[in-house]
Every structure is written in structure tokens, then in C-alpha cells.
N, C-alpha and C. Protein backbone atom coordinates (compact mmCIF):
# COMPACT_ATOMS: atom_id res chain seq x y z
N UNK A 1 38.03 -1.23 55.26
CA UNK A 1 38.33 -1.72 54.15
C UNK A 1 38.47 -0.23 53.13
N UNK A 2 39.07 0.20 52.09
CA UNK A 2 39.07 1.01 51.35
C UNK A 2 37.90 0.86 49.86
N UNK A 3 37.19 1.96 49.47
CA UNK A 3 36.00 1.57 48.70
C UNK A 3 36.81 1.52 47.52
N UNK A 4 36.43 1.15 46.05
CA UNK A 4 36.71 0.69 44.73
C UNK A 4 36.73 2.33 44.11
N UNK A 5 37.37 2.22 43.31
CA UNK A 5 37.60 3.68 42.60
C UNK A 5 36.42 3.60 41.84
N UNK A 6 35.84 5.04 41.23
CA UNK A 6 34.92 5.31 40.45
C UNK A 6 35.16 5.24 38.88
N UNK A 7 34.53 4.79 38.11
CA UNK A 7 34.17 4.64 36.78
C UNK A 7 34.10 5.89 35.92
N UNK A 8 34.81 6.16 34.63
CA UNK A 8 34.10 7.07 33.75
C UNK A 8 33.85 6.56 32.69
N UNK A 9 32.27 7.18 32.39
CA UNK A 9 31.48 6.29 31.40
C UNK A 9 32.01 6.69 30.25
N UNK A 10 32.25 6.08 29.09
CA UNK A 10 33.50 6.28 27.82
C UNK A 10 32.31 7.36 26.79
N UNK A 11 31.37 7.14 27.17
CA UNK A 11 30.11 7.72 26.16
C UNK A 11 29.53 9.10 26.52
N UNK A 12 29.63 9.31 27.58
CA UNK A 12 28.96 10.77 28.20
C UNK A 12 29.88 11.36 29.27
N UNK A 13 30.74 10.58 29.74
CA UNK A 13 31.84 10.96 30.81
C UNK A 13 31.24 11.17 32.09
N UNK A 14 30.10 10.68 32.35
CA UNK A 14 29.55 10.68 33.77
C UNK A 14 30.32 9.27 34.74
N UNK A 15 30.38 10.28 35.83
CA UNK A 15 31.05 9.29 36.69
C UNK A 15 30.06 8.34 37.29
N UNK A 16 30.81 6.99 37.40
CA UNK A 16 30.08 5.98 37.79
C UNK A 16 30.63 4.90 38.74
N UNK A 17 29.75 4.74 40.01
CA UNK A 17 30.29 4.11 41.01
C UNK A 17 30.85 2.70 40.63
N UNK A 18 31.95 2.45 40.91
CA UNK A 18 32.55 1.13 40.59
C UNK A 18 31.43 0.15 41.16
N UNK A 19 31.18 -1.01 40.41
CA UNK A 19 30.49 -2.17 40.60
C UNK A 19 28.82 -1.57 39.82
N UNK A 20 28.64 -0.52 39.42
CA UNK A 20 27.69 -0.11 38.98
C UNK A 20 27.87 0.01 37.26
N UNK A 21 28.91 -0.03 36.73
CA UNK A 21 29.43 0.42 35.43
C UNK A 21 29.26 -0.87 34.55
N UNK A 22 28.96 -0.67 33.51
CA UNK A 22 28.81 -2.06 32.43
C UNK A 22 29.76 -1.71 31.26
N UNK A 23 30.61 -3.06 31.42
CA UNK A 23 31.29 -3.18 30.02
C UNK A 23 30.59 -3.76 28.76
N UNK A 24 30.54 -2.65 27.86
CA UNK A 24 29.75 -3.06 26.66
C UNK A 24 31.05 -2.68 25.57
N UNK A 25 31.40 -3.78 25.08
CA UNK A 25 32.22 -3.53 23.76
C UNK A 25 33.16 -3.09 24.01
N UNK A 26 34.28 -3.71 25.10
CA UNK A 26 35.08 -3.16 25.48
C UNK A 26 35.25 -1.73 26.19
N UNK A 27 34.04 -1.25 26.19
CA UNK A 27 34.27 0.54 27.04
C UNK A 27 32.93 0.25 28.46
N UNK A 28 33.57 1.02 29.24
CA UNK A 28 32.75 1.30 30.36
C UNK A 28 31.58 2.29 30.16
N UNK A 29 30.29 1.61 30.31
CA UNK A 29 29.14 2.86 30.06
C UNK A 29 28.35 2.88 31.36
N UNK A 30 27.55 3.53 31.55
CA UNK A 30 26.80 3.97 32.38
C UNK A 30 25.35 3.27 31.66
N UNK A 31 24.41 3.17 32.78
CA UNK A 31 23.42 2.27 32.65
C UNK A 31 22.42 3.06 31.36
N UNK A 32 22.23 4.42 30.82
CA UNK A 32 21.74 5.06 29.93
C UNK A 32 22.37 4.50 28.66
N UNK A 33 23.53 5.23 28.74
CA UNK A 33 24.25 4.75 27.44
C UNK A 33 24.70 3.24 27.31
N UNK A 34 24.55 2.35 28.23
CA UNK A 34 24.16 0.86 27.84
C UNK A 34 23.03 0.68 27.01
N UNK A 35 22.20 1.05 27.74
CA UNK A 35 20.81 0.78 26.97
C UNK A 35 20.69 1.61 25.74
N UNK A 36 21.12 2.97 25.15
CA UNK A 36 21.63 3.26 23.99
C UNK A 36 22.14 2.43 22.60
N UNK A 37 23.37 2.11 23.62
CA UNK A 37 24.38 1.50 22.58
C UNK A 37 23.70 0.03 22.17
N UNK A 38 22.82 -0.45 23.15
CA UNK A 38 22.08 -1.83 22.88
C UNK A 38 21.10 -1.64 21.71
N UNK A 39 20.14 -0.35 21.85
CA UNK A 39 19.38 -0.26 21.19
C UNK A 39 19.86 0.09 19.64
N UNK A 40 20.67 0.78 19.54
CA UNK A 40 21.38 1.13 18.04
C UNK A 40 21.97 -0.17 17.75
N UNK A 41 22.56 -0.94 18.63
CA UNK A 41 23.48 -2.44 18.19
C UNK A 41 21.87 -3.45 17.44
N UNK A 42 21.15 -2.98 18.01
CA UNK A 42 19.85 -3.75 17.62
C UNK A 42 19.50 -3.50 16.55
N UNK A 43 19.13 -1.99 16.12
CA UNK A 43 18.97 -1.33 15.01
C UNK A 43 19.61 -1.66 13.74
N UNK A 44 21.13 -1.83 14.05
CA UNK A 44 21.88 -2.13 13.11
C UNK A 44 21.92 -3.47 12.56
N UNK A 45 21.69 -4.59 13.62
CA UNK A 45 21.16 -5.65 12.88
C UNK A 45 20.21 -5.99 12.53
N UNK A 46 19.03 -5.45 12.70
CA UNK A 46 17.78 -5.17 11.94
C UNK A 46 17.82 -4.64 10.69
N UNK A 47 18.88 -3.51 10.46
CA UNK A 47 19.13 -3.30 8.91
C UNK A 47 19.82 -4.02 8.13
N UNK A 48 20.77 -4.55 8.89
CA UNK A 48 21.54 -5.57 7.96
C UNK A 48 20.87 -6.96 7.69
N UNK A 49 19.86 -7.29 8.37
CA UNK A 49 19.02 -8.43 8.16
C UNK A 49 18.29 -8.01 7.17
N UNK A 50 17.72 -6.83 7.00
CA UNK A 50 16.66 -6.20 5.80
C UNK A 50 17.12 -5.52 4.67
N UNK A 51 18.32 -5.48 4.57
CA UNK A 51 18.63 -4.52 3.59
C UNK A 51 19.02 -5.64 2.23
N UNK A 52 18.89 -6.74 2.47
CA UNK A 52 18.71 -7.55 1.28
C UNK A 52 17.91 -8.57 0.94
N UNK A 53 16.31 -8.28 1.60
CA UNK A 53 15.45 -8.41 1.83
C UNK A 53 14.08 -7.59 1.13
N UNK A 54 13.64 -8.34 -0.25
CA UNK A 54 12.29 -7.56 -1.02
C UNK A 54 11.22 -7.53 0.10
N UNK A 55 11.19 -6.02 0.33
CA UNK A 55 10.23 -5.61 1.11
C UNK A 55 9.09 -4.74 0.06
N UNK A 56 7.77 -4.71 0.27
CA UNK A 56 6.46 -3.91 -0.72
C UNK A 56 5.56 -3.30 0.36
N UNK A 57 5.29 -2.73 -0.51
CA UNK A 57 3.87 -1.67 -0.15
C UNK A 57 2.60 -1.66 -1.18
N UNK A 58 1.59 -1.05 -0.85
CA UNK A 58 0.35 -0.87 -1.68
C UNK A 58 0.37 0.39 -1.82
N UNK A 59 0.15 0.99 -3.45
CA UNK A 59 -0.16 2.28 -3.51
C UNK A 59 -1.05 2.34 -4.82
N UNK A 60 -0.85 3.60 -5.42
CA UNK A 60 -1.78 3.95 -6.88
C UNK A 60 -1.12 4.58 -7.53
N UNK A 61 -1.20 4.46 -8.88
CA UNK A 61 -0.54 5.23 -9.91
C UNK A 61 -1.28 6.70 -10.09
N UNK A 62 -0.57 7.54 -9.97
CA UNK A 62 -1.02 9.06 -10.03
C UNK A 62 -0.80 9.29 -11.48
N UNK A 63 -1.73 10.66 -11.84
CA UNK A 63 -1.57 10.85 -13.18
C UNK A 63 -2.20 10.22 -14.24
N UNK A 64 -3.24 9.07 -14.03
CA UNK A 64 -3.40 8.33 -14.69
C UNK A 64 -4.69 8.87 -15.82
N UNK A 65 -5.22 10.04 -15.29
CA UNK A 65 -6.10 10.68 -16.48
C UNK A 65 -5.68 11.64 -17.11
N UNK A 66 -4.41 11.83 -17.27
CA UNK A 66 -3.62 13.14 -17.68
C UNK A 66 -2.98 12.42 -19.04
N UNK A 67 -2.85 13.54 -20.32
CA UNK A 67 -1.86 13.27 -21.48
C UNK A 67 -2.25 11.90 -22.36
N UNK A 68 -3.45 11.46 -22.26
CA UNK A 68 -4.17 10.49 -23.07
C UNK A 68 -3.71 8.93 -22.14
N UNK A 69 -3.38 9.10 -20.98
CA UNK A 69 -3.27 7.59 -20.45
C UNK A 69 -4.01 6.82 -20.24
N UNK A 70 -5.33 7.09 -20.14
CA UNK A 70 -6.46 6.34 -20.07
C UNK A 70 -6.53 5.41 -21.20
N UNK A 71 -6.33 5.56 -22.11
CA UNK A 71 -6.08 4.19 -23.52
C UNK A 71 -5.11 3.50 -23.17
N UNK A 72 -4.22 3.73 -22.48
CA UNK A 72 -3.19 2.46 -21.78
C UNK A 72 -3.51 1.80 -20.86
N UNK A 73 -3.66 2.85 -19.83
CA UNK A 73 -4.33 2.34 -18.60
C UNK A 73 -5.40 1.13 -18.82
N UNK A 74 -6.34 1.12 -19.61
CA UNK A 74 -7.63 0.29 -19.51
C UNK A 74 -7.14 -0.95 -20.18
N UNK A 75 -5.68 -0.92 -20.41
CA UNK A 75 -5.51 -2.43 -20.82
C UNK A 75 -4.20 -2.97 -19.65
N UNK A 76 -4.34 -2.37 -18.89
CA UNK A 76 -3.39 -3.02 -17.66
C UNK A 76 -3.99 -4.40 -16.90
N UNK A 77 -3.02 -4.95 -16.54
CA UNK A 77 -3.51 -6.57 -16.14
C UNK A 77 -3.17 -6.85 -14.81
N UNK A 78 -3.89 -7.31 -14.08
CA UNK A 78 -3.29 -7.84 -12.67
C UNK A 78 -1.86 -8.82 -12.80
N UNK A 79 -0.95 -8.32 -11.97
CA UNK A 79 0.76 -9.14 -12.09
C UNK A 79 1.33 -8.56 -12.98
N UNK A 80 0.87 -7.31 -14.03
CA UNK A 80 1.65 -6.83 -15.10
C UNK A 80 2.94 -6.52 -14.50
N UNK A 81 4.29 -6.47 -14.83
CA UNK A 81 5.40 -6.01 -14.47
C UNK A 81 5.37 -4.12 -14.60
N UNK A 82 5.83 -3.80 -13.92
CA UNK A 82 6.21 -1.83 -13.97
C UNK A 82 7.37 -1.34 -14.05
N UNK A 83 7.72 -0.87 -14.63
CA UNK A 83 9.28 -0.08 -14.46
C UNK A 83 9.29 1.35 -13.82
N UNK A 84 9.89 1.44 -12.72
CA UNK A 84 10.20 2.79 -12.00
C UNK A 84 11.26 3.57 -12.34
N UNK A 85 11.10 4.73 -13.28
CA UNK A 85 12.40 5.77 -13.67
C UNK A 85 12.25 6.66 -12.97
N UNK A 86 13.29 7.12 -12.03
CA UNK A 86 13.42 8.28 -10.97
C UNK A 86 13.39 9.52 -11.99
N UNK A 87 12.94 10.76 -11.86
CA UNK A 87 13.19 11.81 -12.58
C UNK A 87 13.33 13.09 -11.62
N UNK A 88 14.87 13.01 -10.98
CA UNK A 88 15.07 14.33 -10.26
C UNK A 88 14.50 15.84 -10.33
N UNK A 89 14.77 15.56 -11.94
CA UNK A 89 14.77 17.33 -12.55
C UNK A 89 13.42 17.50 -12.69
N UNK A 90 12.35 17.06 -12.47
CA UNK A 90 10.75 17.09 -12.40
C UNK A 90 10.38 18.24 -12.20
N UNK A 91 9.49 19.29 -12.72
CA UNK A 91 9.32 20.55 -12.12
C UNK A 91 8.36 20.52 -11.19
N UNK A 92 7.74 19.41 -11.11
CA UNK A 92 6.71 19.44 -9.97
C UNK A 92 6.75 18.83 -9.02
N UNK A 93 7.71 17.93 -8.87
CA UNK A 93 8.62 17.22 -7.56
C UNK A 93 9.80 16.75 -7.57
N UNK A 94 10.65 16.85 -6.76
CA UNK A 94 11.55 16.42 -6.38
C UNK A 94 11.81 15.13 -6.50
N UNK A 95 10.71 14.36 -5.77
CA UNK A 95 10.83 13.06 -5.65
C UNK A 95 10.17 12.47 -6.42
N UNK A 96 10.13 12.96 -7.94
CA UNK A 96 9.09 12.37 -8.93
C UNK A 96 10.02 10.99 -9.46
N UNK A 97 9.07 9.59 -9.77
CA UNK A 97 9.25 8.75 -10.18
C UNK A 97 8.00 8.14 -11.02
N UNK A 98 8.88 8.13 -12.30
CA UNK A 98 7.47 7.90 -13.87
C UNK A 98 7.53 6.33 -13.76
N UNK A 99 6.24 5.93 -14.07
CA UNK A 99 5.73 4.44 -13.73
C UNK A 99 5.59 4.30 -15.29
N UNK A 100 6.63 2.90 -16.25
CA UNK A 100 6.38 2.47 -17.36
C UNK A 100 5.86 1.04 -17.59
N UNK A 101 5.18 0.76 -18.43
CA UNK A 101 5.25 -0.56 -18.76
C UNK A 101 6.16 -1.25 -19.53
N UNK A 102 6.40 -2.33 -19.88
CA UNK A 102 7.30 -3.14 -20.47
C UNK A 102 7.67 -2.59 -21.99
N UNK A 103 6.35 -2.05 -22.13
CA UNK A 103 6.33 -1.54 -23.84
C UNK A 103 6.77 -0.36 -23.93
N UNK A 104 7.46 0.55 -22.75
CA UNK A 104 7.69 1.75 -22.98
C UNK A 104 6.76 2.75 -22.87
N UNK A 105 5.63 2.57 -22.64
CA UNK A 105 4.33 3.54 -22.37
C UNK A 105 4.19 4.02 -20.77
N UNK A 106 4.38 5.35 -20.83
CA UNK A 106 4.06 6.02 -19.42
C UNK A 106 2.82 6.04 -18.78
N UNK A 107 2.27 5.40 -17.82
CA UNK A 107 1.19 5.24 -17.14
C UNK A 107 0.89 5.97 -16.09
N UNK A 108 2.26 7.04 -15.72
CA UNK A 108 1.57 8.23 -14.75
C UNK A 108 2.77 7.87 -13.78
N UNK A 109 2.59 8.36 -12.62
CA UNK A 109 3.64 8.91 -11.50
C UNK A 109 3.46 8.00 -10.30
N UNK A 110 4.63 7.68 -9.28
CA UNK A 110 4.04 7.15 -8.09
C UNK A 110 3.77 8.18 -7.24
N UNK A 111 2.85 7.96 -6.47
CA UNK A 111 2.47 9.12 -6.00
C UNK A 111 3.12 9.88 -4.78
N UNK A 112 3.01 10.97 -4.33
CA UNK A 112 4.07 11.71 -3.61
C UNK A 112 4.49 10.91 -2.56
N UNK A 113 3.39 10.82 -1.72
CA UNK A 113 3.41 9.83 -0.46
C UNK A 113 4.31 8.51 -0.53
N UNK A 114 4.22 7.93 -1.64
CA UNK A 114 5.16 6.97 -2.07
C UNK A 114 6.26 6.93 -2.16
N UNK A 115 6.66 8.58 -3.22
CA UNK A 115 7.75 8.48 -3.52
C UNK A 115 8.85 9.01 -2.66
N UNK A 116 8.39 9.55 -1.54
CA UNK A 116 9.05 9.96 -0.17
C UNK A 116 9.43 8.86 0.30
N UNK A 117 8.91 7.85 0.05
CA UNK A 117 9.47 6.48 0.74
C UNK A 117 10.53 5.80 0.01
N UNK A 118 10.41 5.73 -1.23
CA UNK A 118 11.40 4.85 -1.66
C UNK A 118 12.53 5.63 -2.71
N UNK A 119 12.38 7.31 -2.81
CA UNK A 119 13.28 7.74 -3.34
C UNK A 119 14.27 8.07 -2.73
N UNK A 120 14.54 8.08 -1.33
CA UNK A 120 16.10 7.56 -1.00
C UNK A 120 16.61 6.55 -1.18
N UNK A 121 15.91 5.39 -1.31
CA UNK A 121 16.57 4.09 -1.60
C UNK A 121 16.95 4.12 -2.99
N UNK A 122 16.16 4.81 -3.87
CA UNK A 122 16.62 4.59 -5.39
C UNK A 122 17.96 5.41 -5.05
N UNK A 123 17.88 6.61 -4.56
CA UNK A 123 19.04 7.66 -4.85
C UNK A 123 20.26 6.77 -4.10
N UNK A 124 20.10 6.12 -3.15
CA UNK A 124 21.10 5.22 -2.54
C UNK A 124 21.88 4.04 -3.05
N UNK A 125 21.08 3.67 -4.59
CA UNK A 125 21.56 2.64 -5.40
C UNK A 125 20.41 1.43 -5.05
N UNK A 126 19.20 1.52 -4.11
CA UNK A 126 18.65 0.30 -4.31
C UNK A 126 17.99 0.39 -5.39
N UNK A 127 16.99 -0.52 -5.34
CA UNK A 127 15.98 -1.04 -6.82
C UNK A 127 14.70 -1.00 -6.24
N UNK A 128 13.76 -0.54 -7.12
CA UNK A 128 12.68 -0.54 -6.69
C UNK A 128 11.88 -0.74 -8.17
N UNK A 129 10.56 -1.49 -7.93
CA UNK A 129 9.78 -1.80 -9.51
C UNK A 129 8.22 -1.96 -8.81
N UNK A 130 7.42 -2.38 -9.75
CA UNK A 130 6.03 -2.45 -9.35
C UNK A 130 5.36 -3.50 -9.93
N UNK A 131 4.07 -3.83 -9.94
CA UNK A 131 3.06 -5.10 -10.22
C UNK A 131 1.68 -3.99 -10.12
N UNK A 132 0.82 -4.42 -11.16
CA UNK A 132 -0.40 -4.02 -11.11
C UNK A 132 -1.24 -5.13 -10.06
N UNK A 133 -1.71 -4.55 -9.20
CA UNK A 133 -2.64 -5.23 -8.37
C UNK A 133 -4.09 -5.53 -8.86
N UNK A 134 -4.28 -4.19 -9.58
CA UNK A 134 -5.88 -4.07 -9.62
C UNK A 134 -6.10 -2.99 -10.34
N UNK A 135 -6.78 -2.96 -11.73
CA UNK A 135 -7.31 -2.01 -12.43
C UNK A 135 -8.66 -1.81 -12.08
N UNK A 136 -8.81 -0.39 -11.40
CA UNK A 136 -10.06 -0.04 -10.93
C UNK A 136 -11.15 0.89 -11.96
N UNK A 137 -12.43 1.26 -11.85
CA UNK A 137 -13.40 2.29 -12.51
C UNK A 137 -13.35 1.47 -13.77
N UNK A 138 -13.71 2.50 -14.89
CA UNK A 138 -14.31 2.75 -16.41
C UNK A 138 -15.51 2.05 -16.54
N UNK A 139 -16.02 2.36 -15.39
CA UNK A 139 -17.92 1.61 -15.67
C UNK A 139 -18.57 2.32 -14.66
N UNK A 140 -19.82 2.36 -14.99
CA UNK A 140 -20.99 3.21 -13.90
C UNK A 140 -20.50 4.67 -14.29
N UNK A 141 -20.76 5.35 -12.74
CA UNK A 141 -20.17 6.51 -12.68
C UNK A 141 -18.79 6.91 -12.64
N UNK A 142 -17.78 5.87 -12.86
CA UNK A 142 -16.62 5.83 -12.55
C UNK A 142 -16.42 5.63 -14.18
N UNK A 143 -16.34 6.66 -14.89
CA UNK A 143 -15.36 6.23 -16.11
C UNK A 143 -14.41 6.20 -16.17
N UNK A 144 -13.59 7.05 -15.57
CA UNK A 144 -11.93 6.73 -15.63
C UNK A 144 -11.30 5.96 -14.73
N UNK A 145 -10.47 5.29 -15.53
CA UNK A 145 -9.92 4.35 -15.06
C UNK A 145 -8.21 4.49 -14.33
N UNK A 146 -8.49 3.64 -12.80
CA UNK A 146 -7.40 3.80 -12.03
C UNK A 146 -6.58 2.33 -12.18
N UNK A 147 -5.21 2.49 -11.41
CA UNK A 147 -4.54 1.57 -11.15
C UNK A 147 -3.89 1.58 -9.82
N UNK A 148 -4.17 0.04 -9.05
CA UNK A 148 -3.46 -0.11 -7.76
C UNK A 148 -2.18 -0.76 -7.99
N UNK A 149 -1.31 -0.67 -7.50
CA UNK A 149 0.11 -1.51 -7.53
C UNK A 149 0.72 -1.58 -6.21
N UNK A 150 1.48 -2.67 -6.26
CA UNK A 150 1.97 -3.10 -4.93
C UNK A 150 3.85 -2.50 -5.67
N UNK A 151 4.53 -2.00 -4.80
CA UNK A 151 5.80 -1.28 -5.04
C UNK A 151 6.73 -2.25 -4.17
N UNK A 152 7.71 -2.92 -5.14
CA UNK A 152 8.76 -3.41 -4.40
C UNK A 152 10.10 -2.90 -4.20
N UNK A 153 10.89 -3.06 -3.15
CA UNK A 153 11.86 -2.19 -3.01
C UNK A 153 13.20 -3.21 -2.32
N UNK A 154 14.46 -2.95 -2.49
CA UNK A 154 15.27 -3.90 -2.00
C UNK A 154 16.39 -2.57 -1.84
N UNK A 155 16.96 -2.30 -0.48
CA UNK A 155 18.27 -1.60 0.03
C UNK A 155 19.20 -1.91 -0.52
N UNK A 156 19.74 -2.73 -0.64
CA UNK A 156 21.09 -3.36 -1.27
C UNK A 156 20.86 -4.47 -2.58
N UNK A 157 20.98 -4.54 -3.47
CA UNK A 157 20.20 -5.29 -4.41
C UNK A 157 21.50 -6.27 -4.76
N UNK A 158 21.47 -7.59 -5.18
CA UNK A 158 22.57 -8.08 -6.03
C UNK A 158 23.16 -7.46 -7.12
N UNK A 159 24.52 -7.59 -7.25
CA UNK A 159 24.99 -6.59 -8.41
C UNK A 159 24.28 -7.39 -10.05
N UNK A 160 23.78 -8.72 -9.83
CA UNK A 160 22.99 -9.00 -11.33
C UNK A 160 21.85 -8.32 -11.24
N UNK A 161 21.08 -7.99 -10.20
CA UNK A 161 20.28 -7.18 -10.53
C UNK A 161 19.89 -5.90 -11.35
N UNK A 162 21.17 -5.37 -10.69
CA UNK A 162 21.63 -3.78 -11.02
C UNK A 162 21.78 -4.27 -12.78
N UNK A 163 22.61 -4.60 -13.15
CA UNK A 163 22.79 -5.26 -14.56
C UNK A 163 21.29 -5.59 -15.20
N UNK A 164 20.62 -6.26 -14.62
CA UNK A 164 19.30 -6.57 -15.45
C UNK A 164 18.40 -5.23 -15.79
N UNK A 165 18.42 -4.39 -14.36
CA UNK A 165 17.81 -3.26 -14.37
C UNK A 165 18.38 -2.15 -15.62
N UNK A 166 19.54 -2.21 -15.71
CA UNK A 166 19.99 -1.29 -16.92
C UNK A 166 19.76 -1.65 -17.81
N UNK A 167 19.60 -2.98 -18.32
CA UNK A 167 19.40 -3.49 -19.83
C UNK A 167 17.61 -3.14 -19.76
N UNK A 168 16.62 -3.02 -18.76
CA UNK A 168 15.36 -3.02 -18.72
C UNK A 168 15.26 -1.24 -18.95
N UNK A 169 16.12 -0.31 -18.50
CA UNK A 169 15.87 0.83 -18.83
C UNK A 169 16.47 1.27 -20.16
N UNK A 170 17.21 0.57 -20.95
CA UNK A 170 17.85 1.07 -22.24
C UNK A 170 16.89 0.48 -22.94
N UNK A 171 16.36 -0.92 -22.74
CA UNK A 171 15.00 -1.03 -23.61
C UNK A 171 14.15 -0.16 -23.75
N UNK A 172 13.42 0.62 -22.31
CA UNK A 172 12.52 1.57 -22.32
C UNK A 172 13.00 2.64 -22.92
N UNK A 173 14.17 3.20 -22.78
CA UNK A 173 14.46 4.32 -23.47
C UNK A 173 14.63 4.21 -25.17
N UNK A 174 14.76 2.93 -25.36
CA UNK A 174 14.98 2.94 -26.90
C UNK A 174 13.20 3.14 -27.34
N UNK A 175 12.68 2.63 -26.74
CA UNK A 175 11.28 2.57 -27.70
C UNK A 175 10.24 3.62 -27.05
N UNK A 176 11.09 4.71 -26.16
CA UNK A 176 10.67 6.09 -25.82
C UNK A 176 11.59 6.87 -27.07
N UNK A 177 12.07 6.81 -27.74
CA UNK A 177 13.19 7.41 -28.64
C UNK A 177 13.83 7.99 -28.19
N UNK A 178 14.39 7.89 -26.92
CA UNK A 178 15.55 8.42 -26.20
C UNK A 178 15.10 9.68 -25.36
N UNK A 179 14.05 10.27 -25.68
CA UNK A 179 13.25 11.22 -25.02
C UNK A 179 13.53 11.57 -23.43
N UNK A 180 14.12 10.36 -22.84
CA UNK A 180 14.23 10.72 -20.95
C UNK A 180 15.64 10.29 -21.20
N UNK A 181 16.42 10.43 -22.07
CA UNK A 181 17.87 10.55 -21.88
C UNK A 181 18.44 11.37 -20.58
N UNK A 182 17.79 12.55 -20.84
CA UNK A 182 18.41 13.42 -19.08
C UNK A 182 18.00 13.14 -17.89
N UNK A 183 16.92 12.18 -18.30
CA UNK A 183 16.79 11.74 -16.59
C UNK A 183 17.61 10.57 -15.90
N UNK A 184 17.87 10.82 -14.50
CA UNK A 184 18.55 9.61 -14.20
C UNK A 184 17.95 8.57 -13.85
N UNK A 185 18.08 7.55 -14.48
CA UNK A 185 17.30 6.62 -14.21
C UNK A 185 17.99 5.50 -13.48
N UNK A 186 16.57 4.82 -12.14
CA UNK A 186 16.97 3.97 -12.23
C UNK A 186 15.70 3.10 -11.42
N UNK A 187 15.77 2.11 -12.35
CA UNK A 187 14.63 1.21 -12.07
C UNK A 187 14.82 -0.14 -11.97
N UNK A 188 13.80 -1.31 -11.86
CA UNK A 188 13.81 -2.79 -12.06
C UNK A 188 12.48 -3.47 -11.66
N UNK A 189 12.07 -4.29 -12.31
CA UNK A 189 10.72 -5.21 -12.72
C UNK A 189 11.04 -6.04 -12.22
N UNK A 190 10.17 -7.01 -11.55
CA UNK A 190 10.13 -8.23 -10.95
C UNK A 190 9.75 -9.28 -12.10
N UNK A 191 11.00 -10.39 -11.90
CA UNK A 191 11.16 -11.48 -12.67
C UNK A 191 10.37 -12.40 -12.65
């Protein structure tokens, strides 16, 4: 009895013995390419399931002891909503994201590590915002105040969130007398 013909992997071109080939998505694949295709499909499904979900992580506000910010930071309260405004033209960091309260006062900046995480999301059209989780210091040997925050982000926000974001940024800019008009602004806060 003649042996069945071999197959060719559609991904890598490897010759596959008949009977060992795997049919994945209408394509014949060798076992390593099948595993890779399944892994990529699982990653795509995971991304699709998370892109509309709000995710978060904890961080601190950097720069709270500069430019007179201590007088603002000392009045931060747990649960206070904060606006994150991207500043790609910042001379110190290409990932710079300023943090403002709803009164338009600058509290500081997102730490560099945290900014590296959320800058690509913001730049791709996602939204990020924060809330105060704790005000630290201000007593004993720690005379300066600090602020711990939780940063929230969503990769593909609903369109009505983007409209709200733009209204908030406009309000912040009006309170700041337009001094941030040249900054590319992408921000949002939790309602």
C-alpha cells in the first residue's frame, strides 16, 4: 500500500509527514507552528477581553516638594479624583504626565516607572486617571507631604468617556489660564 503524500507547513514551510499535520484555521501547520498559533490566538482573546476593562495599579506622585506644591498636597484627601495630562514635550522626560486636582492645581508628576506603563496606552487613545489613596508625611521627622495614588486606565474607552475627558481638560486649562495650551492633553478622572 503506498504511503500518503507529505504536507507542507503553511507557516514555516517545513515538510510534515502525512497524519502528523494539524489543521488550524484552514491552514496546515506543524506542531510547533500550531502551538505558536494557539498561543497568539489566546493572547488576542485575552487582549480583546481586557481592552474595555478598567485596570489599575498603585504609585506615588513625584515632585510634591517642588514649586510650592506642599501647600496644595497637604490638603489632598483619600478618594480625591485627579486628572492626568500627558506632556510629551517635557524637557526632562518624554513620558511626562502631569497630575492635577479638579481645581486645576498641579500636584506633581506620575513617577517615571508608572509613566512608562501608561504613556503608550494614553498615546494610543486610551484613558488614564487617578485617585488619592493616602497622604503621607507632614509630621515628626517627615515634614514633607507625599501622596500615594491609584492609577486607573482603559485601553479602548467608550466614546462618551472621551467626550467627558475633553470637557474636564478644557475646564482645567481654563483654570490654568491657558498656560498648558501647547501640551498634548489626554486625561480622565473617575466619576
